[in-house]
Amino acid sequence: MFQDLLKWGAKRPDSAGPTTTSLVRGDDVLVASKALPKFLSALTQADSPVLVDFGPVIGSNVAFFGERLGCKLFIEDLSADLDRHSRAKTMDALPGVFENRFRHADQSVDGLLCWDYFDFLDKSAVQALAKQIVRMLRPGGAIL
């Protein structure tokens, strides 16, 4: 599953062309997500899905995933860790932080919301975090 995520931008051989639908609202252009429906489908396969959000607490996310989908939601807010280490100029310590950061048991999580967190990490931190994701994620789980 995680390796498939890394290939997300590749064009499928059976694809005839772009199928993305755009909607213009004011100055904003909204593009329909292909990933979110797949992510939600994976979550709904579990009776009581467990979801980990690497971002900060955002009310609309909590309401959507917690109330509407009935997920057990854990907020990890890795952005706070990133900010703290960036200010202290200790970014090289992040891989070690990730090794001990998560209290979730092996294969105990149905879904992970990573957002764009990986964009802010160096290679060693990415590898350490990916190792934890693979450890926590149940077979058939999903990452967004």
N, C-alpha and C. Protein backbone atom coordinates (compact mmCIF):
# COMPACT_ATOMS: atom_id res chain seq x y z
N MET A 1 0.82 -1.19 0.00
CA MET A 1 0.00 0.00 0.00
C MET A 1 0.87 1.26 0.00
N PHE A 2 1.90 1.28 0.86
CA PHE A 2 2.74 2.47 0.96
C PHE A 2 3.51 2.69 -0.34
N GLN A 3 3.96 1.60 -0.98
CA GLN A 3 4.67 1.74 -2.25
C GLN A 3 3.75 2.26 -3.33
N ASP A 4 2.48 1.85 -3.30
CA ASP A 4 1.51 2.34 -4.27
C ASP A 4 1.31 3.84 -4.11
N LEU A 5 1.39 4.33 -2.88
CA LEU A 5 1.22 5.76 -2.62
C LEU A 5 2.32 6.56 -3.32
N LEU A 6 3.51 6.00 -3.37
CA LEU A 6 4.62 6.71 -3.99
C LEU A 6 4.48 6.80 -5.50
N LYS A 7 3.60 5.99 -6.08
CA LYS A 7 3.38 5.99 -7.52
C LYS A 7 2.11 6.76 -7.90
N TRP A 8 1.56 7.53 -6.99
CA TRP A 8 0.24 8.13 -7.18
C TRP A 8 0.15 9.04 -8.39
N GLY A 9 1.21 9.63 -8.82
CA GLY A 9 1.13 10.55 -9.94
C GLY A 9 1.29 9.89 -11.30
N ALA A 10 1.61 8.62 -11.33
CA ALA A 10 1.84 7.93 -12.60
C ALA A 10 0.55 7.76 -13.38
N LYS A 11 0.64 7.91 -14.68
CA LYS A 11 -0.53 7.74 -15.54
C LYS A 11 -0.77 6.26 -15.76
N ARG A 12 -2.00 5.84 -15.61
CA ARG A 12 -2.36 4.45 -15.81
C ARG A 12 -2.46 4.16 -17.30
N PRO A 13 -2.08 2.94 -17.72
CA PRO A 13 -2.11 2.62 -19.14
C PRO A 13 -3.51 2.66 -19.73
N ASP A 14 -4.54 2.37 -18.91
CA ASP A 14 -5.90 2.36 -19.43
C ASP A 14 -6.55 3.75 -19.39
N SER A 15 -5.78 4.74 -18.99
CA SER A 15 -6.32 6.10 -18.87
C SER A 15 -6.30 6.79 -20.23
N ALA A 16 -7.45 7.31 -20.60
CA ALA A 16 -7.55 7.97 -21.91
C ALA A 16 -7.16 9.44 -21.83
N GLY A 17 -7.06 9.98 -20.66
CA GLY A 17 -6.71 11.38 -20.50
C GLY A 17 -7.17 11.88 -19.15
N PRO A 18 -7.01 13.16 -18.90
CA PRO A 18 -7.37 13.70 -17.59
C PRO A 18 -8.88 13.61 -17.36
N THR A 19 -9.21 13.23 -16.12
CA THR A 19 -10.62 13.13 -15.74
C THR A 19 -10.94 14.05 -14.57
N THR A 20 -10.01 14.93 -14.24
CA THR A 20 -10.20 15.83 -13.13
C THR A 20 -11.24 16.88 -13.49
N THR A 21 -12.17 17.09 -12.58
CA THR A 21 -13.20 18.09 -12.78
C THR A 21 -12.83 19.33 -12.00
N SER A 22 -12.90 20.50 -12.62
CA SER A 22 -12.59 21.75 -11.94
C SER A 22 -13.86 22.57 -11.79
N LEU A 23 -13.92 23.30 -10.71
CA LEU A 23 -15.03 24.18 -10.44
C LEU A 23 -14.45 25.53 -10.07
N VAL A 24 -14.89 26.58 -10.73
CA VAL A 24 -14.39 27.91 -10.44
C VAL A 24 -15.39 28.60 -9.51
N ARG A 25 -14.89 29.06 -8.38
CA ARG A 25 -15.71 29.76 -7.41
C ARG A 25 -14.96 31.04 -7.03
N GLY A 26 -15.41 32.18 -7.55
CA GLY A 26 -14.69 33.43 -7.30
C GLY A 26 -13.33 33.36 -7.97
N ASP A 27 -12.29 33.66 -7.19
CA ASP A 27 -10.93 33.60 -7.70
C ASP A 27 -10.30 32.22 -7.50
N ASP A 28 -11.00 31.33 -6.78
CA ASP A 28 -10.46 30.02 -6.47
C ASP A 28 -10.89 28.98 -7.51
N VAL A 29 -9.99 28.08 -7.81
CA VAL A 29 -10.32 26.94 -8.65
C VAL A 29 -10.27 25.70 -7.76
N LEU A 30 -11.37 24.99 -7.67
CA LEU A 30 -11.44 23.78 -6.87
C LEU A 30 -11.31 22.58 -7.80
N VAL A 31 -10.46 21.63 -7.41
CA VAL A 31 -10.24 20.44 -8.22
C VAL A 31 -10.70 19.23 -7.40
N ALA A 32 -11.52 18.40 -8.01
CA ALA A 32 -12.03 17.21 -7.32
C ALA A 32 -10.89 16.27 -6.97
N SER A 33 -10.96 15.71 -5.77
CA SER A 33 -9.93 14.80 -5.29
C SER A 33 -10.23 13.38 -5.74
N LYS A 34 -9.20 12.69 -6.23
CA LYS A 34 -9.33 11.27 -6.53
C LYS A 34 -8.92 10.44 -5.33
N ALA A 35 -8.06 11.00 -4.50
CA ALA A 35 -7.50 10.26 -3.36
C ALA A 35 -8.49 10.16 -2.20
N LEU A 36 -9.23 11.22 -1.91
CA LEU A 36 -10.11 11.21 -0.75
C LEU A 36 -11.17 10.12 -0.82
N PRO A 37 -11.86 9.92 -1.94
CA PRO A 37 -12.84 8.82 -1.98
C PRO A 37 -12.21 7.45 -1.73
N LYS A 38 -11.01 7.23 -2.24
CA LYS A 38 -10.32 5.95 -2.00
C LYS A 38 -9.96 5.81 -0.53
N PHE A 39 -9.51 6.89 0.07
CA PHE A 39 -9.15 6.88 1.49
C PHE A 39 -10.38 6.57 2.34
N LEU A 40 -11.49 7.25 2.05
CA LEU A 40 -12.72 7.04 2.81
C LEU A 40 -13.23 5.62 2.63
N SER A 41 -13.10 5.08 1.44
CA SER A 41 -13.53 3.71 1.18
C SER A 41 -12.74 2.72 2.03
N ALA A 42 -11.45 2.94 2.16
CA ALA A 42 -10.61 2.06 2.99
C ALA A 42 -11.02 2.16 4.45
N LEU A 43 -11.35 3.36 4.91
CA LEU A 43 -11.77 3.53 6.31
C LEU A 43 -13.10 2.86 6.60
N THR A 44 -14.02 2.93 5.67
CA THR A 44 -15.34 2.38 5.92
C THR A 44 -15.35 0.86 5.89
N GLN A 45 -14.26 0.23 5.50
CA GLN A 45 -14.17 -1.23 5.53
C GLN A 45 -14.06 -1.76 6.96
N ALA A 46 -13.59 -0.92 7.89
CA ALA A 46 -13.43 -1.32 9.30
C ALA A 46 -14.69 -0.97 10.08
N ASP A 47 -15.03 -1.81 11.07
CA ASP A 47 -16.21 -1.55 11.89
C ASP A 47 -16.08 -0.25 12.70
N SER A 48 -14.97 -0.10 13.40
CA SER A 48 -14.70 1.11 14.18
C SER A 48 -13.31 1.60 13.80
N PRO A 49 -13.21 2.31 12.67
CA PRO A 49 -11.88 2.69 12.18
C PRO A 49 -11.11 3.59 13.14
N VAL A 50 -9.81 3.37 13.17
CA VAL A 50 -8.89 4.18 13.96
C VAL A 50 -8.10 5.03 12.98
N LEU A 51 -8.10 6.34 13.20
CA LEU A 51 -7.46 7.30 12.31
C LEU A 51 -6.47 8.14 13.10
N VAL A 52 -5.27 8.33 12.56
CA VAL A 52 -4.27 9.20 13.16
C VAL A 52 -4.06 10.38 12.23
N ASP A 53 -4.15 11.58 12.79
CA ASP A 53 -3.96 12.82 12.04
C ASP A 53 -2.65 13.45 12.48
N PHE A 54 -1.71 13.60 11.55
CA PHE A 54 -0.42 14.20 11.86
C PHE A 54 -0.49 15.73 11.96
N GLY A 55 -1.61 16.31 11.61
CA GLY A 55 -1.77 17.75 11.66
C GLY A 55 -2.31 18.23 12.99
N PRO A 56 -2.51 19.54 13.12
CA PRO A 56 -3.07 20.10 14.35
C PRO A 56 -4.58 19.85 14.42
N VAL A 57 -5.16 20.13 15.55
CA VAL A 57 -6.60 19.96 15.72
C VAL A 57 -7.31 21.00 14.85
N ILE A 58 -8.15 20.50 13.95
CA ILE A 58 -8.97 21.37 13.10
C ILE A 58 -10.40 20.87 13.24
N GLY A 59 -11.27 21.74 13.72
CA GLY A 59 -12.64 21.36 14.04
C GLY A 59 -13.38 20.65 12.94
N SER A 60 -13.24 21.12 11.71
CA SER A 60 -13.97 20.50 10.60
C SER A 60 -13.47 19.08 10.33
N ASN A 61 -12.18 18.84 10.51
CA ASN A 61 -11.64 17.48 10.35
C ASN A 61 -12.16 16.56 11.44
N VAL A 62 -12.15 17.06 12.68
CA VAL A 62 -12.65 16.27 13.80
C VAL A 62 -14.12 15.93 13.60
N ALA A 63 -14.91 16.92 13.19
CA ALA A 63 -16.33 16.70 12.98
C ALA A 63 -16.57 15.69 11.86
N PHE A 64 -15.86 15.85 10.76
CA PHE A 64 -16.07 14.96 9.61
C PHE A 64 -15.68 13.53 9.93
N PHE A 65 -14.45 13.33 10.38
CA PHE A 65 -13.97 11.97 10.61
C PHE A 65 -14.52 11.36 11.89
N GLY A 66 -14.64 12.15 12.93
CA GLY A 66 -15.11 11.63 14.20
C GLY A 66 -16.60 11.42 14.26
N GLU A 67 -17.35 12.43 13.87
CA GLU A 67 -18.80 12.36 14.00
C GLU A 67 -19.47 11.71 12.80
N ARG A 68 -19.11 12.13 11.59
CA ARG A 68 -19.80 11.63 10.40
C ARG A 68 -19.37 10.22 10.02
N LEU A 69 -18.09 9.89 10.21
CA LEU A 69 -17.63 8.55 9.84
C LEU A 69 -17.49 7.61 11.04
N GLY A 70 -17.60 8.13 12.24
CA GLY A 70 -17.49 7.30 13.43
C GLY A 70 -16.10 6.77 13.68
N CYS A 71 -15.08 7.50 13.25
CA CYS A 71 -13.69 7.09 13.45
C CYS A 71 -13.24 7.45 14.86
N LYS A 72 -12.38 6.63 15.41
CA LYS A 72 -11.66 7.01 16.61
C LYS A 72 -10.45 7.79 16.12
N LEU A 73 -10.37 9.06 16.48
CA LEU A 73 -9.39 9.97 15.90
C LEU A 73 -8.33 10.35 16.93
N PHE A 74 -7.07 10.16 16.56
CA PHE A 74 -5.94 10.57 17.38
C PHE A 74 -5.22 11.71 16.66
N ILE A 75 -5.05 12.83 17.35
CA ILE A 75 -4.33 13.97 16.79
C ILE A 75 -2.90 13.93 17.33
N GLU A 76 -1.93 13.85 16.44
CA GLU A 76 -0.53 13.80 16.83
C GLU A 76 0.18 15.15 16.70
N ASP A 77 -0.30 16.05 15.86
CA ASP A 77 0.26 17.38 15.63
C ASP A 77 1.78 17.39 15.51
N LEU A 78 2.27 16.75 14.48
CA LEU A 78 3.71 16.72 14.24
C LEU A 78 4.26 18.09 13.84
N SER A 79 3.38 18.99 13.44
CA SER A 79 3.84 20.33 13.08
C SER A 79 4.45 21.04 14.29
N ALA A 80 3.95 20.75 15.49
CA ALA A 80 4.53 21.33 16.70
C ALA A 80 5.95 20.82 16.91
N ASP A 81 6.17 19.52 16.65
CA ASP A 81 7.52 18.97 16.75
C ASP A 81 8.45 19.62 15.73
N LEU A 82 7.96 19.76 14.52
CA LEU A 82 8.75 20.37 13.45
C LEU A 82 9.12 21.81 13.81
N ASP A 83 8.15 22.59 14.28
CA ASP A 83 8.43 23.97 14.67
C ASP A 83 9.45 24.05 15.80
N ARG A 84 9.30 23.22 16.81
CA ARG A 84 10.20 23.23 17.96
C ARG A 84 11.64 22.92 17.52
N HIS A 85 11.80 21.89 16.69
CA HIS A 85 13.15 21.51 16.25
C HIS A 85 13.72 22.50 15.25
N SER A 86 12.87 23.12 14.46
CA SER A 86 13.34 24.13 13.52
C SER A 86 13.88 25.35 14.27
N ARG A 87 13.14 25.79 15.26
CA ARG A 87 13.59 26.96 16.05
C ARG A 87 14.87 26.67 16.81
N ALA A 88 14.97 25.45 17.36
CA ALA A 88 16.15 25.07 18.14
C ALA A 88 17.32 24.65 17.26
N LYS A 89 17.08 24.60 15.94
CA LYS A 89 18.11 24.17 14.99
C LYS A 89 18.61 22.75 15.31
N THR A 90 17.64 21.88 15.64
CA THR A 90 17.94 20.48 15.95
C THR A 90 17.17 19.54 15.03
N MET A 91 17.02 19.93 13.77
CA MET A 91 16.27 19.12 12.81
C MET A 91 16.89 17.73 12.64
N ASP A 92 18.20 17.62 12.84
CA ASP A 92 18.85 16.32 12.72
C ASP A 92 18.40 15.34 13.80
N ALA A 93 17.73 15.82 14.85
CA ALA A 93 17.24 14.96 15.93
C ALA A 93 15.86 14.36 15.63
N LEU A 94 15.18 14.86 14.60
CA LEU A 94 13.82 14.38 14.30
C LEU A 94 13.72 12.87 14.05
N PRO A 95 14.65 12.25 13.33
CA PRO A 95 14.52 10.79 13.15
C PRO A 95 14.44 10.05 14.48
N GLY A 96 15.23 10.44 15.44
CA GLY A 96 15.18 9.82 16.77
C GLY A 96 13.88 10.10 17.49
N VAL A 97 13.34 11.29 17.30
CA VAL A 97 12.06 11.64 17.91
C VAL A 97 10.96 10.74 17.36
N PHE A 98 10.97 10.52 16.05
CA PHE A 98 9.93 9.70 15.43
C PHE A 98 9.99 8.25 15.89
N GLU A 99 11.17 7.76 16.23
CA GLU A 99 11.30 6.37 16.68
C GLU A 99 10.52 6.11 17.96
N ASN A 100 10.37 7.12 18.81
CA ASN A 100 9.71 6.95 20.10
C ASN A 100 8.45 7.79 20.25
N ARG A 101 8.00 8.43 19.21
CA ARG A 101 6.92 9.42 19.28
C ARG A 101 5.52 8.82 19.39
N PHE A 102 5.28 7.70 18.76
CA PHE A 102 3.92 7.19 18.62
C PHE A 102 3.62 6.06 19.59
N ARG A 103 2.49 6.18 20.28
CA ARG A 103 2.09 5.18 21.27
C ARG A 103 1.21 4.08 20.68
N HIS A 104 0.92 4.16 19.42
CA HIS A 104 0.02 3.21 18.77
C HIS A 104 0.74 1.87 18.56
N ALA A 105 0.02 0.80 18.84
CA ALA A 105 0.58 -0.54 18.69
C ALA A 105 0.77 -0.88 17.21
N ASP A 106 1.55 -1.90 16.95
CA ASP A 106 1.77 -2.37 15.59
C ASP A 106 0.42 -2.76 14.97
N GLN A 107 0.23 -2.37 13.72
CA GLN A 107 -0.96 -2.70 12.93
C GLN A 107 -2.27 -2.37 13.66
N SER A 108 -2.31 -1.20 14.29
CA SER A 108 -3.50 -0.81 15.06
C SER A 108 -4.26 0.36 14.45
N VAL A 109 -3.79 0.89 13.33
CA VAL A 109 -4.37 2.09 12.73
C VAL A 109 -4.91 1.77 11.33
N ASP A 110 -6.14 2.22 11.06
CA ASP A 110 -6.75 1.99 9.75
C ASP A 110 -6.40 3.07 8.73
N GLY A 111 -6.15 4.30 9.21
CA GLY A 111 -5.85 5.38 8.30
C GLY A 111 -4.96 6.43 8.93
N LEU A 112 -4.15 7.07 8.09
CA LEU A 112 -3.25 8.13 8.54
C LEU A 112 -3.42 9.35 7.64
N LEU A 113 -3.59 10.50 8.25
CA LEU A 113 -3.64 11.76 7.52
C LEU A 113 -2.28 12.43 7.68
N CYS A 114 -1.49 12.39 6.62
CA CYS A 114 -0.14 12.95 6.66
C CYS A 114 -0.09 14.38 6.13
N TRP A 115 -1.11 14.76 5.34
CA TRP A 115 -1.17 16.06 4.69
C TRP A 115 0.12 16.28 3.91
N ASP A 116 0.76 17.42 4.04
CA ASP A 116 2.00 17.70 3.30
C ASP A 116 3.21 17.67 4.22
N TYR A 117 3.11 16.96 5.32
CA TYR A 117 4.15 16.95 6.34
C TYR A 117 5.51 16.49 5.79
N PHE A 118 5.50 15.50 4.91
CA PHE A 118 6.76 14.98 4.38
C PHE A 118 7.54 16.03 3.58
N ASP A 119 6.85 17.04 3.07
CA ASP A 119 7.51 18.08 2.28
C ASP A 119 8.52 18.89 3.10
N PHE A 120 8.39 18.86 4.42
CA PHE A 120 9.22 19.67 5.29
C PHE A 120 10.34 18.89 5.97
N LEU A 121 10.50 17.62 5.63
CA LEU A 121 11.47 16.77 6.30
C LEU A 121 12.63 16.42 5.38
N ASP A 122 13.79 16.17 5.99
CA ASP A 122 14.92 15.68 5.19
C ASP A 122 14.79 14.16 5.04
N LYS A 123 15.66 13.59 4.24
CA LYS A 123 15.54 12.18 3.88
C LYS A 123 15.55 11.25 5.10
N SER A 124 16.43 11.49 6.05
CA SER A 124 16.51 10.59 7.22
C SER A 124 15.25 10.68 8.08
N ALA A 125 14.68 11.86 8.21
CA ALA A 125 13.44 12.02 8.97
C ALA A 125 12.27 11.37 8.23
N VAL A 126 12.24 11.51 6.91
CA VAL A 126 11.20 10.86 6.10
C VAL A 126 11.26 9.35 6.29
N GLN A 127 12.45 8.78 6.24
CA GLN A 127 12.60 7.34 6.39
C GLN A 127 12.17 6.87 7.78
N ALA A 128 12.52 7.63 8.82
CA ALA A 128 12.14 7.25 10.18
C ALA A 128 10.63 7.33 10.37
N LEU A 129 10.00 8.37 9.82
CA LEU A 129 8.56 8.51 9.94
C LEU A 129 7.84 7.44 9.12
N ALA A 130 8.32 7.15 7.92
CA ALA A 130 7.71 6.12 7.08
C ALA A 130 7.78 4.75 7.77
N LYS A 131 8.87 4.49 8.45
CA LYS A 131 9.01 3.22 9.18
C LYS A 131 7.93 3.10 10.24
N GLN A 132 7.63 4.20 10.94
CA GLN A 132 6.59 4.19 11.96
C GLN A 132 5.20 4.03 11.35
N ILE A 133 5.00 4.66 10.21
CA ILE A 133 3.70 4.54 9.52
C ILE A 133 3.46 3.08 9.12
N VAL A 134 4.46 2.45 8.54
CA VAL A 134 4.33 1.06 8.13
C VAL A 134 4.08 0.17 9.34
N ARG A 135 4.72 0.47 10.44
CA ARG A 135 4.54 -0.31 11.67
C ARG A 135 3.11 -0.18 12.21
N MET A 136 2.58 1.03 12.24
CA MET A 136 1.26 1.28 12.82
C MET A 136 0.10 0.85 11.94
N LEU A 137 0.25 0.95 10.64
CA LEU A 137 -0.85 0.75 9.70
C LEU A 137 -1.24 -0.73 9.58
N ARG A 138 -2.54 -0.97 9.69
CA ARG A 138 -3.08 -2.31 9.51
C ARG A 138 -3.01 -2.71 8.03
N PRO A 139 -2.96 -4.00 7.75
CA PRO A 139 -3.07 -4.43 6.35
C PRO A 139 -4.38 -3.93 5.76
N GLY A 140 -4.33 -3.35 4.59
CA GLY A 140 -5.52 -2.77 3.98
C GLY A 140 -5.79 -1.35 4.42
N GLY A 141 -4.95 -0.80 5.31
CA GLY A 141 -5.11 0.57 5.77
C GLY A 141 -4.75 1.56 4.67
N ALA A 142 -4.98 2.84 4.93
CA ALA A 142 -4.76 3.86 3.91
C ALA A 142 -4.07 5.09 4.49
N ILE A 143 -3.37 5.79 3.60
CA ILE A 143 -2.66 7.01 3.95
C ILE A 143 -3.12 8.11 3.00
N LEU A 144 -3.40 9.27 3.57
CA LEU A 144 -3.76 10.44 2.74
C LEU A 144 -2.82 11.57 3.09
